[in-house]
Structure formats: C-alpha cells, structure tokens
C-alpha atoms as a PDB file:
ATOM      1  CA  MET A   1      98.731  77.802  73.609  1.00  0.00           C
ATOM      2  CA  LEU A   2      98.736  79.618  76.936  1.00  0.00           C
ATOM      3  CA  HIS A   3     101.760  79.275  79.162  1.00  0.00           C
ATOM      4  CA  THR A   4     101.340  79.669  82.884  1.00  0.00           C
ATOM      5  CA  LEU A   5     103.995  80.173  85.492  1.00  0.00           C
ATOM      6  CA  SER A   6     104.326  77.583  88.182  1.00  0.00           C
ATOM      7  CA  SER A   7     104.005  78.844  91.729  1.00  0.00           C
ATOM      8  CA  VAL A   8     107.746  78.274  92.199  1.00  0.00           C
ATOM      9  CA  GLN A   9     108.554  80.380  89.144  1.00  0.00           C
ATOM     10  CA  SER A  10     106.135  83.051  90.290  1.00  0.00           C
ATOM     11  CA  LEU A  11     107.758  83.183  93.730  1.00  0.00           C
ATOM     12  CA  LYS A  12     111.202  83.466  92.168  1.00  0.00           C
ATOM     13  CA  ILE A  13     109.996  86.386  90.048  1.00  0.00           C
ATOM     14  CA  ASP A  14     108.468  88.034  93.147  1.00  0.00           C
ATOM     15  CA  GLU A  15     111.714  87.565  95.078  1.00  0.00           C
ATOM     16  CA  GLU A  16     113.746  89.090  92.238  1.00  0.00           C
ATOM     17  CA  LEU A  17     111.394  92.056  91.950  1.00  0.00           C
ATOM     18  CA  GLY A  18     111.639  92.510  95.713  1.00  0.00           C
ATOM     19  CA  LYS A  19     115.436  92.630  95.539  1.00  0.00           C
ATOM     20  CA  GLN A  20     115.282  95.205  92.737  1.00  0.00           C
ATOM     21  CA  ASN A  21     112.808  97.338  94.669  1.00  0.00           C
ATOM     22  CA  ILE A  22     114.926  97.179  97.829  1.00  0.00           C
ATOM     23  CA  ALA A  23     117.888  98.530  95.872  1.00  0.00           C
ATOM     24  CA  MET A  24     115.733 101.302  94.397  1.00  0.00           C
ATOM     25  CA  VAL A  25     114.340 102.338  97.803  1.00  0.00           C
ATOM     26  CA  GLU A  26     117.813 102.329  99.372  1.00  0.00           C
ATOM     27  CA  GLN A  27     119.140 104.514  96.568  1.00  0.00           C
ATOM     28  CA  GLU A  28     116.223 106.952  96.344  1.00  0.00           C
ATOM     29  CA  MET A  29     115.078 107.206  99.966  1.00  0.00           C
ATOM     30  CA  GLY A  30     117.892 105.875 102.082  1.00  0.00           C
ATOM     31  CA  ILE A  31     117.889 103.454 104.969  1.00  0.00           C
ATOM     32  CA  TYR A  32     117.650 104.704 108.528  1.00  0.00           C
ATOM     33  CA  ASP A  33     119.215 102.879 111.454  1.00  0.00           C
ATOM     34  CA  ASP A  34     116.731 103.328 114.270  1.00  0.00           C
ATOM     35  CA  ILE A  35     116.788 100.467 116.755  1.00  0.00           C
ATOM     36  CA  LYS A  36     113.404 101.304 118.310  1.00  0.00           C
ATOM     37  CA  LYS A  37     111.597 101.612 114.984  1.00  0.00           C
ATOM     38  CA  THR A  38     113.242  98.469 113.661  1.00  0.00           C
ATOM     39  CA  ALA A  39     112.182  96.510 116.751  1.00  0.00           C
ATOM     40  CA  TYR A  40     108.606  97.806 116.460  1.00  0.00           C
ATOM     41  CA  LEU A  41     108.352  96.979 112.748  1.00  0.00           C
ATOM     42  CA  THR A  42     109.849  93.538 113.318  1.00  0.00           C
ATOM     43  CA  LYS A  43     107.140  92.804 115.899  1.00  0.00           C
ATOM     44  CA  VAL A  44     104.403  93.984 113.527  1.00  0.00           C
ATOM     45  CA  VAL A  45     105.743  91.916 110.635  1.00  0.00           C
ATOM     46  CA  ASP A  46     106.171  88.839 112.837  1.00  0.00           C
ATOM     47  CA  ARG A  47     102.537  89.126 113.952  1.00  0.00           C
ATOM     48  CA  LEU A  48     101.371  89.458 110.350  1.00  0.00           C
ATOM     49  CA  ILE A  49     103.437  86.474 109.220  1.00  0.00           C
ATOM     50  CA  ALA A  50     102.057  84.374 112.066  1.00  0.00           C
ATOM     51  CA  LYS A  51      98.547  84.944 110.668  1.00  0.00           C
ATOM     52  CA  LEU A  52      99.425  83.605 107.209  1.00  0.00           C
ATOM     53  CA  ASP A  53      98.144  80.142 106.378  1.00  0.00           C
ATOM     54  CA  LYS A  54     101.084  79.450 104.080  1.00  0.00           C
ATOM     55  CA  PRO A  55     104.090  81.758 104.438  1.00  0.00           C
ATOM     56  CA  LEU A  56     105.511  82.412 100.982  1.00  0.00           C
ATOM     57  CA  PHE A  57     108.930  83.805 101.813  1.00  0.00           C
ATOM     58  CA  ASN A  58     111.659  83.227 104.361  1.00  0.00           C
END
C-alpha cells in the first residue's frame, strides 16, 4: 500500500527543512546586517508573494 503525505504534513516537513537550512546558512556563511539590502530584498519577496495564487507560508 502506498502512503502519501497530506499537504499539511508536506508543508510541515518543508517548514522544518527550511529551519534546518537557515541554521546551516547562518553557521557556514553568516548573516549580514545591511538595512538597504534587507529593504530591497523584502520588496522583491513581497512582490513575488503577491503573485502567488495560494501563499503556502506565513
């Protein structure tokens, strides 16, 4: 019998993997506080999210 993940379970797995990857990036590459770059990236991400039919994450 095949078992499939529900979309809720899949999202939870994606969120957990995202948290793990954030920790790995912070440790290996560091995080840079740059107000101008952060503002620019926030605008880009907000525009991308606005184009999604169904936003998946908060």
